[in-house]
Amino acid sequence: MRSPIEFRSARFDWSRPYIMGVVNVTPDSFSDGGRLGSVDAAVAHGEQLVADGADLLDIGGEATNPRAQPVSAAVELARIAPVIAALAKRVRVPISVDTTKAAVAAAAIDAGAEIVNDVAGGRFDPEIAAATAAGGAVYVCGHLRGASLAEVFAAEEGVPWTAVADELAERLAALPPGLRARTWIDPGLGFGKGSDPAANLALCRHAGDLARRLGCPVVVGPSRKRFLRRVLDADRAARDVPAVPWPPLALDAATVGACLASAAAGAHVLRVHDAGLLRAALIAYAAVGHAEVGAA
C-alpha cells in the first residue's frame, strides 16, 4: 500500500482509484483543441469536471501530440497561470500542471498547483524535478524516449513494460532527495510506444506490477488515445464492417474500458477527458463487485 499524501484540500489514501480530469488550454490538443479558448471557459470546464467526479485537475498549456507545435514558456504560462489561480480558489481538489518546463512548473506552483505532471520525466528539461522539489509539489514522472516530441513520435517499435519499468527506475534514482517520496509514475501511454496497440495495452495490464516494482503510485492516461482507436478499428476489420470515423462517445467508452481494466490491474490515478462517464462506470463496477476498485 502506498503512503497517503496530504494536499491542501484533499487526502489521497489510495483506497480507490482517483480520477484526474483534463483541462486543455490549447488550440491544438488532439481531442478538444481550441474548445477552451478563454480563461472563463477553461475555469468553467474545470469546475464541471469536479462536479462530475474528478478528484484532481490537470491543466495543460502546450499540446503533446504529433501535429502540435512547441510553444515558449511565456506563451504556456499566459494560457494556464490565470486558469490555475482561479481554479485554486474555486475547487476543493488538487490542481496539477501538465508541463515539461521547469520555469512553467515553478510559476504554476506559485499560482496554486500542487502537482507537476511531466510527460517527459525530465528528459526535455532536467531542471524540472528541482523546481518541483523546491515548490514542495508532487512530481509525476512520465516515460518516453527521445529529446523532443518529434523524436518520440517517430518511434515505430513498441517498448516492453519491463523496459519502461527499468527506465523509470533510473529516472527515479536521479531525483533530488526528498522528492522521491512525493513522486508518481506514468508509463506514457501513446508516447513513442509504437504503432501496434500491444505495448500500450500491456502497460495498462501491468500497472500494478509497475507500482510494486517502483514503489510509486501509477498514473494511467489512455483517454482518447490512438491505440484505442486502433483496437476499435481491428474489431471492425475482424467483423468486416465498413470503416467510418469513430464518434467521440465510442472513444470515451473505449477509454472507460481501458481505465477499468487498468484500475483492476492496480492503477492509482486515471487521467481522462470525461470524468463523469468514468465516475459512473467505477461506481457500477464497485457495486457489482461489492467492494471498491482497489489500487495496488
Protein backbone atom coordinates (compact mmCIF):
# COMPACT_ATOMS: atom_id res chain seq x y z
CA MET A 1 0.00 0.00 0.00
CA ARG A 2 1.31 3.45 -0.89
CA SER A 3 1.66 6.05 1.88
CA PRO A 4 -1.22 8.57 1.94
CA ILE A 5 -0.49 12.05 0.66
CA GLU A 6 -2.00 15.25 2.02
CA PHE A 7 -2.95 18.13 -0.24
CA ARG A 8 -4.38 21.44 0.90
CA SER A 9 -7.98 20.32 0.48
CA ALA A 10 -7.80 16.55 0.00
CA ARG A 11 -6.15 13.39 1.25
CA PHE A 12 -5.30 10.56 -1.14
CA ASP A 13 -5.10 7.30 0.80
CA TRP A 14 -5.03 5.03 -2.29
CA SER A 15 -8.05 3.03 -1.11
CA ARG A 16 -9.57 3.56 -4.57
CA PRO A 17 -8.52 4.90 -7.97
CA TYR A 18 -8.56 8.69 -8.30
CA ILE A 19 -9.84 10.48 -11.40
CA MET A 20 -7.67 13.19 -12.98
CA GLY A 21 -9.77 15.47 -15.19
CA VAL A 22 -8.07 17.07 -18.19
CA VAL A 23 -8.32 20.82 -18.89
CA ASN A 24 -6.53 21.59 -22.17
CA VAL A 25 -5.97 25.34 -22.54
CA THR A 26 -4.50 24.92 -26.03
CA PRO A 27 -5.63 25.49 -29.63
CA ASP A 28 -4.15 22.22 -30.92
CA SER A 29 -4.84 19.41 -28.45
CA PHE A 30 -5.67 16.23 -30.34
CA SER A 31 -9.21 15.75 -28.98
CA ASP A 32 -10.51 19.12 -27.85
CA GLY A 33 -8.07 21.78 -29.04
CA GLY A 34 -9.46 25.30 -29.06
CA ARG A 35 -12.64 24.43 -27.19
CA LEU A 36 -11.44 26.19 -24.03
CA GLY A 37 -10.14 29.33 -25.67
CA SER A 38 -10.75 31.71 -22.77
CA VAL A 39 -9.92 31.72 -19.08
CA ASP A 40 -13.61 31.74 -18.20
CA ALA A 41 -14.33 28.72 -20.42
CA ALA A 42 -11.39 26.76 -19.01
CA VAL A 43 -12.33 27.55 -15.42
CA ALA A 44 -15.97 26.62 -16.02
CA HIS A 45 -14.86 23.34 -17.57
CA GLY A 46 -12.64 22.57 -14.60
CA GLU A 47 -15.49 23.25 -12.21
CA GLN A 48 -17.76 20.96 -14.23
CA LEU A 49 -15.18 18.17 -14.20
CA VAL A 50 -15.07 18.37 -10.40
CA ALA A 51 -18.87 18.37 -10.22
CA ASP A 52 -18.84 15.29 -12.46
CA GLY A 53 -16.48 13.44 -10.16
CA ALA A 54 -12.87 14.43 -10.88
CA ASP A 55 -10.62 14.10 -7.83
CA LEU A 56 -7.92 16.36 -9.28
CA LEU A 57 -7.50 18.58 -12.34
CA ASP A 58 -4.63 18.58 -14.84
CA ILE A 59 -4.16 21.96 -16.56
CA GLY A 60 -2.12 22.00 -19.75
CA GLY A 61 -0.98 24.89 -21.95
CA GLU A 62 1.11 23.04 -24.54
CA ALA A 63 -0.25 20.18 -26.63
CA THR A 64 1.80 16.97 -26.78
CA ASN A 65 0.58 15.23 -29.92
CA PRO A 66 2.35 14.52 -33.23
CA ARG A 67 0.85 17.54 -35.01
CA ALA A 68 1.24 20.12 -32.23
CA GLN A 69 3.76 22.95 -32.42
CA PRO A 70 6.08 23.70 -29.47
CA VAL A 71 5.41 26.91 -27.56
CA SER A 72 7.59 29.06 -25.33
CA ALA A 73 7.34 29.08 -21.55
CA ALA A 74 5.88 32.59 -21.75
CA VAL A 75 3.07 31.51 -24.05
CA GLU A 76 2.37 28.42 -21.99
CA LEU A 77 2.20 30.42 -18.78
CA ALA A 78 -0.04 33.07 -20.30
CA ARG A 79 -2.51 30.32 -21.10
CA ILE A 80 -2.51 28.42 -17.83
CA ALA A 81 -1.49 30.70 -14.94
CA PRO A 82 -4.81 32.59 -14.70
CA VAL A 83 -6.75 29.33 -15.03
CA ILE A 84 -4.78 27.67 -12.23
CA ALA A 85 -5.07 30.73 -9.99
CA ALA A 86 -8.84 30.90 -10.47
CA LEU A 87 -9.47 27.18 -10.03
CA ALA A 88 -7.27 27.04 -6.92
CA LYS A 89 -9.76 29.42 -5.30
CA ARG A 90 -12.93 27.76 -6.62
CA VAL A 91 -12.49 23.98 -6.36
CA ARG A 92 -11.57 21.76 -3.45
CA VAL A 93 -9.39 19.31 -5.34
CA PRO A 94 -5.65 19.35 -6.04
CA ILE A 95 -4.53 21.04 -9.25
CA SER A 96 -1.82 19.61 -11.49
CA VAL A 97 0.12 21.45 -14.17
CA ASP A 98 0.85 19.45 -17.31
CA THR A 99 4.23 20.77 -18.44
CA THR A 100 7.76 19.72 -19.34
CA LYS A 101 9.36 23.08 -18.46
CA ALA A 102 10.92 23.97 -15.11
CA ALA A 103 10.01 27.67 -15.38
CA VAL A 104 6.38 26.84 -16.06
CA ALA A 105 6.28 24.33 -13.21
CA ALA A 106 7.66 26.87 -10.72
CA ALA A 107 5.22 29.59 -11.78
CA ALA A 108 2.29 27.16 -11.76
CA ILE A 109 3.13 26.10 -8.20
CA ASP A 110 3.18 29.76 -7.21
CA ALA A 111 -0.28 30.13 -8.82
CA GLY A 112 -1.71 27.24 -6.81
CA ALA A 113 -0.72 23.95 -8.45
CA GLU A 114 0.26 21.12 -6.09
CA ILE A 115 1.31 18.57 -8.72
CA VAL A 116 3.69 18.79 -11.69
CA ASN A 117 2.80 16.31 -14.41
CA ASP A 118 5.88 15.96 -16.63
CA VAL A 119 5.25 13.56 -19.51
CA ALA A 120 8.96 13.69 -20.40
CA GLY A 121 10.21 12.62 -16.97
CA GLY A 122 12.87 15.34 -17.05
CA ARG A 123 14.24 14.46 -20.49
CA PHE A 124 13.13 17.77 -22.07
CA ASP A 125 14.19 19.96 -19.12
CA PRO A 126 16.45 18.40 -16.47
CA GLU A 127 15.71 21.26 -14.04
CA ILE A 128 12.01 20.45 -13.71
CA ALA A 129 12.48 17.99 -10.85
CA ALA A 130 14.45 20.56 -8.83
CA ALA A 131 11.74 23.17 -9.47
CA THR A 132 9.09 20.73 -8.29
CA ALA A 133 11.09 19.81 -5.20
CA ALA A 134 11.64 23.48 -4.33
CA GLY A 135 7.91 24.13 -4.56
CA GLY A 136 7.00 21.15 -2.37
CA ALA A 137 4.79 19.68 -5.08
CA VAL A 138 4.11 16.11 -6.15
CA TYR A 139 6.03 15.06 -9.25
CA VAL A 140 4.54 12.81 -11.92
CA CYS A 141 7.48 11.26 -13.74
CA GLY A 142 6.37 10.22 -17.21
CA HIS A 143 8.07 7.82 -19.58
CA LEU A 144 9.13 8.49 -23.14
CA ARG A 145 12.22 8.11 -25.27
CA GLY A 146 13.75 10.96 -27.23
CA ALA A 147 14.81 14.55 -26.71
CA SER A 148 11.79 16.08 -28.46
CA LEU A 149 8.22 15.15 -29.32
CA ALA A 150 9.27 14.70 -32.95
CA GLU A 151 11.73 12.02 -31.86
CA VAL A 152 9.19 10.45 -29.52
CA PHE A 153 6.51 10.01 -32.15
CA ALA A 154 8.95 8.75 -34.78
CA ALA A 155 9.28 5.50 -32.83
CA GLU A 156 7.79 2.54 -34.67
CA GLU A 157 8.55 -0.30 -32.28
CA GLY A 158 6.74 -0.89 -29.02
CA VAL A 159 8.53 -0.68 -25.68
CA PRO A 160 8.09 -3.69 -23.34
CA TRP A 161 6.61 -2.81 -19.97
CA THR A 162 9.70 -4.22 -18.25
CA ALA A 163 11.90 -1.78 -20.19
CA VAL A 164 9.57 1.07 -19.19
CA ALA A 165 9.96 -0.01 -15.57
CA ASP A 166 13.74 -0.14 -15.82
CA GLU A 167 14.00 3.29 -17.45
CA LEU A 168 11.62 4.87 -14.94
CA ALA A 169 13.68 3.34 -12.13
CA GLU A 170 16.75 5.15 -13.47
CA ARG A 171 14.88 8.46 -13.55
CA LEU A 172 13.55 7.95 -10.04
CA ALA A 173 17.07 7.28 -8.75
CA ALA A 174 18.23 10.61 -10.18
CA LEU A 175 15.55 12.71 -8.45
CA PRO A 176 16.51 15.25 -5.74
CA PRO A 177 16.49 13.95 -2.16
CA GLY A 178 13.05 14.23 -0.64
CA LEU A 179 11.16 14.35 -3.93
CA ARG A 180 11.20 10.58 -4.38
CA ALA A 181 8.56 10.09 -1.67
CA ARG A 182 6.30 12.58 -3.47
CA THR A 183 6.69 11.04 -6.93
CA TRP A 184 4.12 9.18 -9.01
CA ILE A 185 4.94 7.43 -12.26
CA ASP A 186 3.22 7.46 -15.64
CA PRO A 187 4.21 4.79 -18.19
CA GLY A 188 3.43 7.20 -21.02
CA LEU A 189 0.66 5.53 -23.00
CA GLY A 190 0.88 6.65 -26.61
CA PHE A 191 4.24 8.37 -26.21
CA GLY A 192 6.60 6.52 -28.53
CA LYS A 193 5.15 3.10 -27.76
CA GLY A 194 4.88 2.05 -31.41
CA SER A 195 2.06 1.79 -33.95
CA ASP A 196 0.87 -1.58 -32.61
CA PRO A 197 -1.53 -1.20 -29.64
CA ALA A 198 0.06 -4.18 -27.86
CA ALA A 199 2.70 -2.23 -25.93
CA ASN A 200 0.16 0.28 -24.61
CA LEU A 201 -2.28 -2.46 -23.65
CA ALA A 202 0.49 -4.28 -21.80
CA LEU A 203 1.29 -1.14 -19.80
CA CYS A 204 -2.35 -0.94 -18.70
CA ARG A 205 -2.33 -4.64 -17.87
CA HIS A 206 0.85 -4.33 -15.79
CA ALA A 207 0.00 -1.12 -13.91
CA GLY A 208 0.14 -2.94 -10.59
CA ASP A 209 3.43 -4.60 -11.48
CA LEU A 210 4.91 -1.17 -12.22
CA ALA A 211 3.69 0.10 -8.85
CA ARG A 212 5.16 -2.84 -6.97
CA ARG A 213 8.48 -2.74 -8.79
CA LEU A 214 9.00 1.01 -8.39
CA GLY A 215 7.16 1.67 -5.13
CA CYS A 216 5.18 4.61 -6.54
CA PRO A 217 1.53 5.32 -7.36
CA VAL A 218 0.85 4.81 -11.06
CA VAL A 219 -0.97 7.27 -13.32
CA VAL A 220 -2.55 5.82 -16.46
CA GLY A 221 -3.79 8.11 -19.23
CA PRO A 222 -5.47 6.19 -22.08
CA SER A 223 -8.09 8.86 -22.76
CA ARG A 224 -8.96 9.06 -26.48
CA LYS A 225 -5.51 7.83 -27.46
CA ARG A 226 -4.74 6.48 -30.93
CA PHE A 227 -4.02 2.99 -29.66
CA LEU A 228 -7.66 2.69 -28.54
CA ARG A 229 -8.84 3.80 -31.97
CA ARG A 230 -6.66 1.06 -33.47
CA VAL A 231 -8.16 -1.52 -31.11
CA LEU A 232 -11.64 -0.49 -32.27
CA ASP A 233 -10.52 -0.49 -35.91
CA ALA A 234 -9.22 -4.05 -35.51
CA ASP A 235 -12.61 -5.19 -34.24
CA ARG A 236 -14.31 -3.61 -37.24
CA ALA A 237 -11.88 -5.27 -39.60
CA ALA A 238 -12.47 -8.66 -37.97
CA ARG A 239 -16.23 -8.22 -38.43
CA ASP A 240 -15.80 -6.87 -41.98
CA VAL A 241 -17.60 -3.65 -41.02
CA PRO A 242 -17.05 -0.54 -43.20
CA ALA A 243 -14.58 1.92 -41.71
CA VAL A 244 -16.16 5.26 -40.81
CA PRO A 245 -14.95 7.92 -38.36
CA TRP A 246 -15.46 6.94 -34.75
CA PRO A 247 -17.78 9.27 -32.78
CA PRO A 248 -16.34 10.81 -29.62
CA LEU A 249 -18.65 8.67 -27.48
CA ALA A 250 -17.07 5.48 -28.84
CA LEU A 251 -13.59 6.65 -27.91
CA ASP A 252 -14.76 7.73 -24.46
CA ALA A 253 -16.40 4.32 -23.98
CA ALA A 254 -13.15 2.63 -25.02
CA THR A 255 -11.33 4.91 -22.57
CA VAL A 256 -13.60 3.77 -19.75
CA GLY A 257 -12.93 0.14 -20.62
CA ALA A 258 -9.17 0.70 -20.57
CA CYS A 259 -9.43 2.60 -17.28
CA LEU A 260 -11.49 -0.09 -15.56
CA ALA A 261 -9.01 -2.76 -16.65
CA SER A 262 -6.08 -0.59 -15.54
CA ALA A 263 -7.71 0.06 -12.16
CA ALA A 264 -8.35 -3.66 -11.69
CA ALA A 265 -4.68 -4.26 -12.54
CA GLY A 266 -3.54 -1.76 -9.91
CA ALA A 267 -3.51 1.76 -11.39
CA HIS A 268 -3.91 4.55 -8.82
CA VAL A 269 -4.81 7.61 -10.92
CA LEU A 270 -6.83 7.59 -14.16
CA ARG A 271 -6.39 10.61 -16.43
CA VAL A 272 -9.45 11.27 -18.62
CA HIS A 273 -11.32 13.95 -20.54
CA ASP A 274 -14.79 12.78 -19.43
CA ALA A 275 -14.71 12.44 -15.64
CA GLY A 276 -18.44 11.85 -15.26
CA LEU A 277 -18.52 8.85 -17.56
CA LEU A 278 -15.61 7.19 -15.77
CA ARG A 279 -17.00 8.01 -12.31
CA ALA A 280 -20.30 6.34 -13.17
CA ALA A 281 -18.51 3.27 -14.52
CA LEU A 282 -16.30 2.97 -11.41
CA ILE A 283 -19.36 3.21 -9.14
CA ALA A 284 -21.17 0.46 -11.04
CA TYR A 285 -18.02 -1.67 -11.24
CA ALA A 286 -17.53 -1.44 -7.48
CA ALA A 287 -21.23 -2.10 -6.77
CA VAL A 288 -21.24 -5.27 -8.85
CA GLY A 289 -18.07 -6.44 -7.15
CA HIS A 290 -19.41 -5.48 -3.68
CA ALA A 291 -16.18 -3.62 -2.99
CA GLU A 292 -14.33 -0.54 -4.17
CA VAL A 293 -11.91 -0.98 -7.01
CA GLY A 294 -8.61 -1.22 -5.15
CA ALA A 295 -5.22 0.05 -6.30
CA ALA A 296 -2.09 -2.00 -5.71
